[in-house]
Amino acid sequence: MELRHLRYCLALAEVQNFTRAAQRVHVTQSTLSHQIRQLEDELGVDLFHRHGKSVTITESGRAFVDQIQPIIEAVDAAVAGLKSVPDELTGELRIAATHSFNVQLIPQCLAEFMARFPRVKVVVEELSGEGIAAGLENGTLDVGVAYRPAVPRGLWFEPLFNEELKLIVAPNHALAGRKRVRMVELNGLPMALLTPNFSTRQLLDECFMAAGAKPQVVAEMNAISPMVELVRRTGLASIVSDKALAGELGLVAVALENPTPVRTPGLLWNKATMNRDATRQMAAIIRRLVETKTA
């Protein structure tokens, strides 16, 4: 059974004439007759009594039409909703992302969005995951790209992909030549890490504990860029995502294992505002670009 069968059935039930019903659904009379008979054979009941070109609907047919009509109306409404998004959206879109995604992903998404919707003013902020969650909660943001918040707060999180974190060191570091490093080997290693309020730091602390490692954290910072720069200028190590190293020179990334720290970034919404046209359009662009990059 296909959607067209249901549309043909509704048309015939309404006009009760094969010729006029065929004209309404833009097929030949013989095609309509064949499709209705095919539907009846599949259902195992007669939906219509034939009287030449005219028909009358059976009791079973009326019950069937009453059930499928709201389904067809819902499908048509959904399709119309997709087509109703104007090419000339106006207003303001407020988006925030953590540093890893603000380096490349967000600018690429913004370029596509602004080319299609030039009359929408876009406000972009780089915030911590906590800051993004707070902005969505209080209504100062429309959508965020971050990691799953520890406390949902009535927000909606849509996972995009999984992201592996890696050890970063300067080229002359003792671990720079390794392909993989076990987490337990970081025990006592001088490191620069994010401050404990970041979800990424909390994830790393859990991994250290699981491996029985306690690194020597000599610097804690609340931003990725200066932390990466500190690693470049010193003998310290750190742990970040590959995306945080986009365009960074003079650093070596080494895979970690036992356990491998993995984060799941995604779209973060406020359920009250997630259906706004500009928000939905930006989210669709983000999904498409992420899918292209991770395919």
Protein backbone atom coordinates (compact mmCIF):
# COMPACT_ATOMS: atom_id res chain seq x y z
CA MET A 1 0.00 0.00 0.00
CA GLU A 2 1.38 3.39 -0.98
CA LEU A 3 0.34 6.96 -0.25
CA ARG A 4 -1.04 7.41 -3.76
CA HIS A 5 -3.48 4.55 -3.18
CA LEU A 6 -4.94 6.42 -0.22
CA ARG A 7 -5.22 9.65 -2.20
CA TYR A 8 -7.00 7.84 -5.05
CA CYS A 9 -9.40 6.26 -2.58
CA LEU A 10 -10.25 9.63 -0.99
CA ALA A 11 -10.81 11.25 -4.39
CA LEU A 12 -13.13 8.48 -5.56
CA ALA A 13 -15.04 8.47 -2.29
CA GLU A 14 -15.61 12.22 -2.60
CA VAL A 15 -16.88 12.42 -6.21
CA GLN A 16 -18.09 8.80 -6.66
CA ASN A 17 -17.23 8.86 -10.35
CA PHE A 18 -14.15 7.30 -11.95
CA THR A 19 -13.79 9.95 -14.67
CA ARG A 20 -13.97 12.96 -12.36
CA ALA A 21 -11.81 11.27 -9.68
CA ALA A 22 -9.15 10.43 -12.28
CA GLN A 23 -9.10 14.07 -13.41
CA ARG A 24 -8.72 15.23 -9.82
CA VAL A 25 -5.66 13.07 -9.14
CA HIS A 26 -4.20 13.57 -12.65
CA VAL A 27 -4.18 9.95 -13.85
CA THR A 28 -6.11 8.07 -16.51
CA GLN A 29 -9.41 6.43 -15.65
CA SER A 30 -7.98 2.96 -16.29
CA THR A 31 -5.02 3.67 -13.99
CA LEU A 32 -7.34 4.84 -11.22
CA SER A 33 -9.58 1.80 -11.60
CA HIS A 34 -6.59 -0.55 -11.52
CA GLN A 35 -5.07 1.14 -8.45
CA ILE A 36 -8.36 1.03 -6.51
CA ARG A 37 -8.79 -2.65 -7.32
CA GLN A 38 -5.19 -3.27 -6.23
CA LEU A 39 -5.91 -1.54 -2.91
CA GLU A 40 -9.07 -3.60 -2.38
CA ASP A 41 -7.21 -6.82 -3.13
CA GLU A 42 -4.54 -5.90 -0.60
CA LEU A 43 -7.11 -5.04 2.07
CA GLY A 44 -9.29 -8.05 1.26
CA VAL A 45 -12.53 -6.01 1.17
CA ASP A 46 -14.59 -4.11 -1.42
CA LEU A 47 -14.36 -0.37 -0.80
CA PHE A 48 -16.74 0.60 -3.61
CA HIS A 49 -19.75 -0.82 -5.49
CA ARG A 50 -19.29 -0.29 -9.26
CA HIS A 51 -22.16 0.96 -11.43
CA GLY A 52 -20.41 1.65 -14.73
CA LYS A 53 -18.39 4.83 -14.32
CA SER A 54 -20.25 5.74 -11.15
CA VAL A 55 -19.59 4.14 -7.79
CA THR A 56 -21.02 4.10 -4.30
CA ILE A 57 -18.90 3.58 -1.25
CA THR A 58 -19.41 0.46 0.84
CA GLU A 59 -19.74 0.42 4.61
CA SER A 60 -16.19 -0.93 4.86
CA GLY A 61 -15.05 1.76 2.43
CA ARG A 62 -16.60 4.54 4.53
CA ALA A 63 -14.93 3.24 7.68
CA PHE A 64 -11.59 3.07 5.85
CA VAL A 65 -11.93 6.60 4.44
CA ASP A 66 -12.78 8.00 7.88
CA GLN A 67 -9.53 6.51 9.21
CA ILE A 68 -7.18 7.55 6.40
CA GLN A 69 -8.46 11.10 5.83
CA PRO A 70 -6.78 12.61 8.93
CA ILE A 71 -3.57 10.75 8.03
CA ILE A 72 -3.46 12.32 4.56
CA GLU A 73 -4.29 15.74 6.01
CA ALA A 74 -1.42 15.39 8.50
CA VAL A 75 1.02 14.42 5.74
CA ASP A 76 -0.08 17.36 3.59
CA ALA A 77 0.28 19.74 6.53
CA ALA A 78 3.80 18.47 7.25
CA VAL A 79 4.84 18.93 3.61
CA ALA A 80 3.29 22.40 3.51
CA GLY A 81 5.16 23.29 6.68
CA LEU A 82 8.47 22.43 5.05
CA LYS A 83 7.65 24.51 2.00
CA SER A 84 6.39 27.46 4.02
CA VAL A 85 9.83 28.52 5.29
CA PRO A 86 10.39 31.80 3.44
CA ASP A 87 13.62 32.39 1.57
CA GLU A 88 13.61 35.90 3.05
CA LEU A 89 13.68 35.14 6.75
CA THR A 90 14.17 38.18 8.95
CA GLY A 91 14.95 38.75 12.60
CA GLU A 92 17.87 37.61 14.70
CA LEU A 93 19.53 34.25 15.33
CA ARG A 94 21.59 33.88 18.51
CA ILE A 95 23.97 30.94 18.48
CA ALA A 96 26.81 29.86 20.75
CA ALA A 97 29.46 27.17 20.52
CA THR A 98 32.39 25.92 22.52
CA HIS A 99 35.85 26.73 21.18
CA SER A 100 36.36 23.44 19.34
CA PHE A 101 33.38 24.08 17.07
CA ASN A 102 33.78 27.83 16.82
CA VAL A 103 37.09 27.45 14.97
CA GLN A 104 35.81 25.92 11.72
CA LEU A 105 32.35 24.35 11.92
CA ILE A 106 30.38 27.42 12.98
CA PRO A 107 31.99 29.80 10.43
CA GLN A 108 31.27 27.29 7.65
CA CYS A 109 27.65 26.93 8.77
CA LEU A 110 27.26 30.70 9.11
CA ALA A 111 28.58 31.29 5.60
CA GLU A 112 25.92 29.00 4.14
CA PHE A 113 23.16 30.35 6.37
CA MET A 114 23.95 34.01 5.65
CA ALA A 115 24.15 33.39 1.91
CA ARG A 116 20.65 31.95 1.96
CA PHE A 117 19.09 34.25 4.58
CA PRO A 118 20.93 37.59 4.29
CA ARG A 119 18.23 39.52 6.16
CA VAL A 120 18.71 37.55 9.39
CA LYS A 121 21.11 39.18 11.85
CA VAL A 122 23.37 36.53 13.36
CA VAL A 123 24.91 36.90 16.82
CA VAL A 124 27.59 34.32 17.67
CA GLU A 125 29.27 33.76 21.02
CA GLU A 126 32.03 31.41 22.11
CA LEU A 127 31.06 30.07 25.53
CA SER A 128 31.67 27.12 27.80
CA GLY A 129 29.09 24.35 27.81
CA GLU A 130 27.80 25.69 31.11
CA GLY A 131 27.45 29.17 29.61
CA ILE A 132 25.59 27.82 26.60
CA ALA A 133 23.16 25.87 28.77
CA ALA A 134 22.54 28.95 30.91
CA GLY A 135 21.96 31.15 27.84
CA LEU A 136 19.45 28.71 26.39
CA GLU A 137 17.72 28.42 29.72
CA ASN A 138 17.30 32.17 30.20
CA GLY A 139 16.37 32.84 26.57
CA THR A 140 19.43 34.82 25.46
CA LEU A 141 20.41 32.06 23.00
CA ASP A 142 18.43 30.16 20.34
CA VAL A 143 20.72 27.18 19.71
CA GLY A 144 24.09 25.92 20.90
CA VAL A 145 26.73 23.47 19.75
CA ALA A 146 28.29 21.88 22.80
CA TYR A 147 28.58 18.70 24.82
CA ARG A 148 25.72 17.14 26.73
CA PRO A 149 25.13 19.26 29.86
CA ALA A 150 25.50 17.53 33.21
CA VAL A 151 22.11 18.92 34.28
CA PRO A 152 19.52 18.95 31.43
CA ARG A 153 17.46 21.86 32.86
CA GLY A 154 14.62 21.16 30.45
CA LEU A 155 16.91 21.51 27.42
CA TRP A 156 16.93 19.17 24.43
CA PHE A 157 20.22 17.58 23.37
CA GLU A 158 20.59 16.10 19.87
CA PRO A 159 23.85 14.09 19.45
CA LEU A 160 25.83 14.78 16.26
CA PHE A 161 28.86 12.45 16.44
CA ASN A 162 31.48 10.99 18.77
CA GLU A 163 34.79 12.79 19.20
CA GLU A 164 38.04 11.27 20.45
CA LEU A 165 40.30 13.35 22.69
CA LYS A 166 44.05 13.16 22.19
CA LEU A 167 47.21 13.96 24.08
CA ILE A 168 49.05 16.99 22.70
CA VAL A 169 52.73 17.74 23.25
CA ALA A 170 55.54 19.72 21.65
CA PRO A 171 57.62 17.85 19.02
CA ASN A 172 60.56 17.45 21.44
CA HIS A 173 58.43 15.90 24.21
CA ALA A 174 59.30 12.35 25.34
CA LEU A 175 55.88 11.07 24.17
CA ALA A 176 55.85 12.88 20.82
CA GLY A 177 57.10 9.84 18.88
CA ARG A 178 54.43 7.47 20.20
CA LYS A 179 51.42 6.35 18.17
CA ARG A 180 49.34 5.55 21.24
CA VAL A 181 49.71 6.20 24.96
CA ARG A 182 47.89 4.37 27.75
CA MET A 183 46.16 6.65 30.26
CA VAL A 184 48.07 5.03 33.13
CA GLU A 185 51.31 6.33 31.56
CA LEU A 186 50.15 9.87 32.32
CA ASN A 187 50.58 9.25 36.03
CA GLY A 188 52.80 12.03 37.41
CA LEU A 189 53.10 13.72 33.99
CA PRO A 190 53.18 17.57 34.15
CA MET A 191 50.02 18.73 32.38
CA ALA A 192 47.89 21.76 31.62
CA LEU A 193 44.15 21.01 31.72
CA LEU A 194 40.85 22.82 31.69
CA THR A 195 39.45 23.91 35.04
CA PRO A 196 37.28 21.36 36.90
CA ASN A 197 33.99 23.12 36.03
CA PHE A 198 34.31 22.01 32.38
CA SER A 199 32.53 18.80 31.41
CA THR A 200 35.61 17.77 29.42
CA ARG A 201 37.79 18.02 32.53
CA GLN A 202 35.28 15.98 34.48
CA LEU A 203 35.38 13.31 31.76
CA LEU A 204 39.20 13.25 31.87
CA ASP A 205 39.24 12.98 35.66
CA GLU A 206 36.97 9.94 35.37
CA CYS A 207 39.34 8.40 32.81
CA PHE A 208 42.37 9.09 35.02
CA MET A 209 40.63 7.47 37.95
CA ALA A 210 39.61 4.43 35.89
CA ALA A 211 43.23 3.99 34.74
CA GLY A 212 44.69 4.54 38.20
CA ALA A 213 46.61 7.60 36.99
CA LYS A 214 47.13 10.92 38.75
CA PRO A 215 48.84 13.45 36.47
CA GLN A 216 50.70 16.44 37.88
CA VAL A 217 48.34 19.28 36.92
CA VAL A 218 50.57 22.36 37.07
CA ALA A 219 48.22 24.69 35.16
CA GLU A 220 44.45 24.94 34.94
CA MET A 221 42.89 27.23 32.34
CA ASN A 222 39.35 28.16 31.27
CA ALA A 223 40.06 28.48 27.53
CA ILE A 224 41.49 26.12 24.93
CA SER A 225 43.59 28.53 22.84
CA PRO A 226 45.89 29.79 25.61
CA MET A 227 46.21 26.25 26.96
CA VAL A 228 47.33 24.98 23.55
CA GLU A 229 49.78 27.88 23.27
CA LEU A 230 51.19 27.05 26.71
CA VAL A 231 51.83 23.46 25.60
CA ARG A 232 53.61 24.74 22.51
CA ARG A 233 55.92 26.96 24.59
CA THR A 234 56.67 24.53 27.44
CA GLY A 235 57.29 20.86 28.15
CA LEU A 236 53.74 20.41 29.40
CA ALA A 237 51.18 18.05 27.89
CA SER A 238 47.43 18.49 27.56
CA ILE A 239 44.39 16.66 26.20
CA VAL A 240 42.11 18.23 23.60
CA SER A 241 40.11 17.27 20.52
CA ASP A 242 41.55 17.27 17.02
CA LYS A 243 39.24 20.15 16.13
CA ALA A 244 40.93 22.34 18.73
CA LEU A 245 44.19 21.89 16.80
CA ALA A 246 42.83 23.16 13.48
CA GLY A 247 45.54 25.38 12.01
CA GLU A 248 47.85 24.90 15.01
CA LEU A 249 51.51 24.30 14.14
CA GLY A 250 54.34 22.96 16.26
CA LEU A 251 52.27 20.38 18.16
CA VAL A 252 51.94 16.60 18.04
CA ALA A 253 48.69 14.74 18.76
CA VAL A 254 48.92 11.21 20.21
CA ALA A 255 45.99 8.80 20.57
CA LEU A 256 45.03 7.69 24.09
CA GLU A 257 43.75 4.27 25.16
CA ASN A 258 42.71 2.21 28.20
CA PRO A 259 40.39 4.09 28.35
CA THR A 260 40.05 6.32 25.28
CA PRO A 261 38.36 9.58 26.28
CA VAL A 262 35.41 10.21 23.95
CA ARG A 263 32.94 13.09 23.97
CA THR A 264 29.62 13.40 22.17
CA PRO A 265 28.95 16.90 20.85
CA GLY A 266 25.53 17.91 19.67
CA LEU A 267 22.89 20.57 19.19
CA LEU A 268 21.50 22.03 22.37
CA TRP A 269 18.04 23.60 22.29
CA ASN A 270 15.50 25.23 24.51
CA LYS A 271 12.30 23.27 23.87
CA ALA A 272 10.28 26.50 23.93
CA THR A 273 12.16 28.07 21.00
CA MET A 274 13.49 25.14 18.96
CA ASN A 275 10.74 25.41 16.31
CA ARG A 276 11.56 28.94 15.17
CA ASP A 277 12.24 29.05 11.42
CA ALA A 278 15.75 30.54 11.65
CA THR A 279 16.74 28.10 14.39
CA ARG A 280 15.49 25.09 12.42
CA GLN A 281 17.28 26.23 9.27
CA MET A 282 20.60 26.71 11.07
CA ALA A 283 20.23 23.31 12.75
CA ALA A 284 19.62 21.66 9.38
CA ILE A 285 22.79 23.24 7.96
CA ILE A 286 24.84 22.10 10.96
CA ARG A 287 23.55 18.54 10.65
CA ARG A 288 24.32 18.42 6.94
CA LEU A 289 27.86 19.78 7.25
CA VAL A 290 28.64 17.50 10.18
CA GLU A 291 27.33 14.48 8.26
CA THR A 292 29.51 15.43 5.29
CA LYS A 293 32.63 15.74 7.45
CA THR A 294 32.05 12.52 9.40
CA ALA A 295 30.86 10.34 6.49
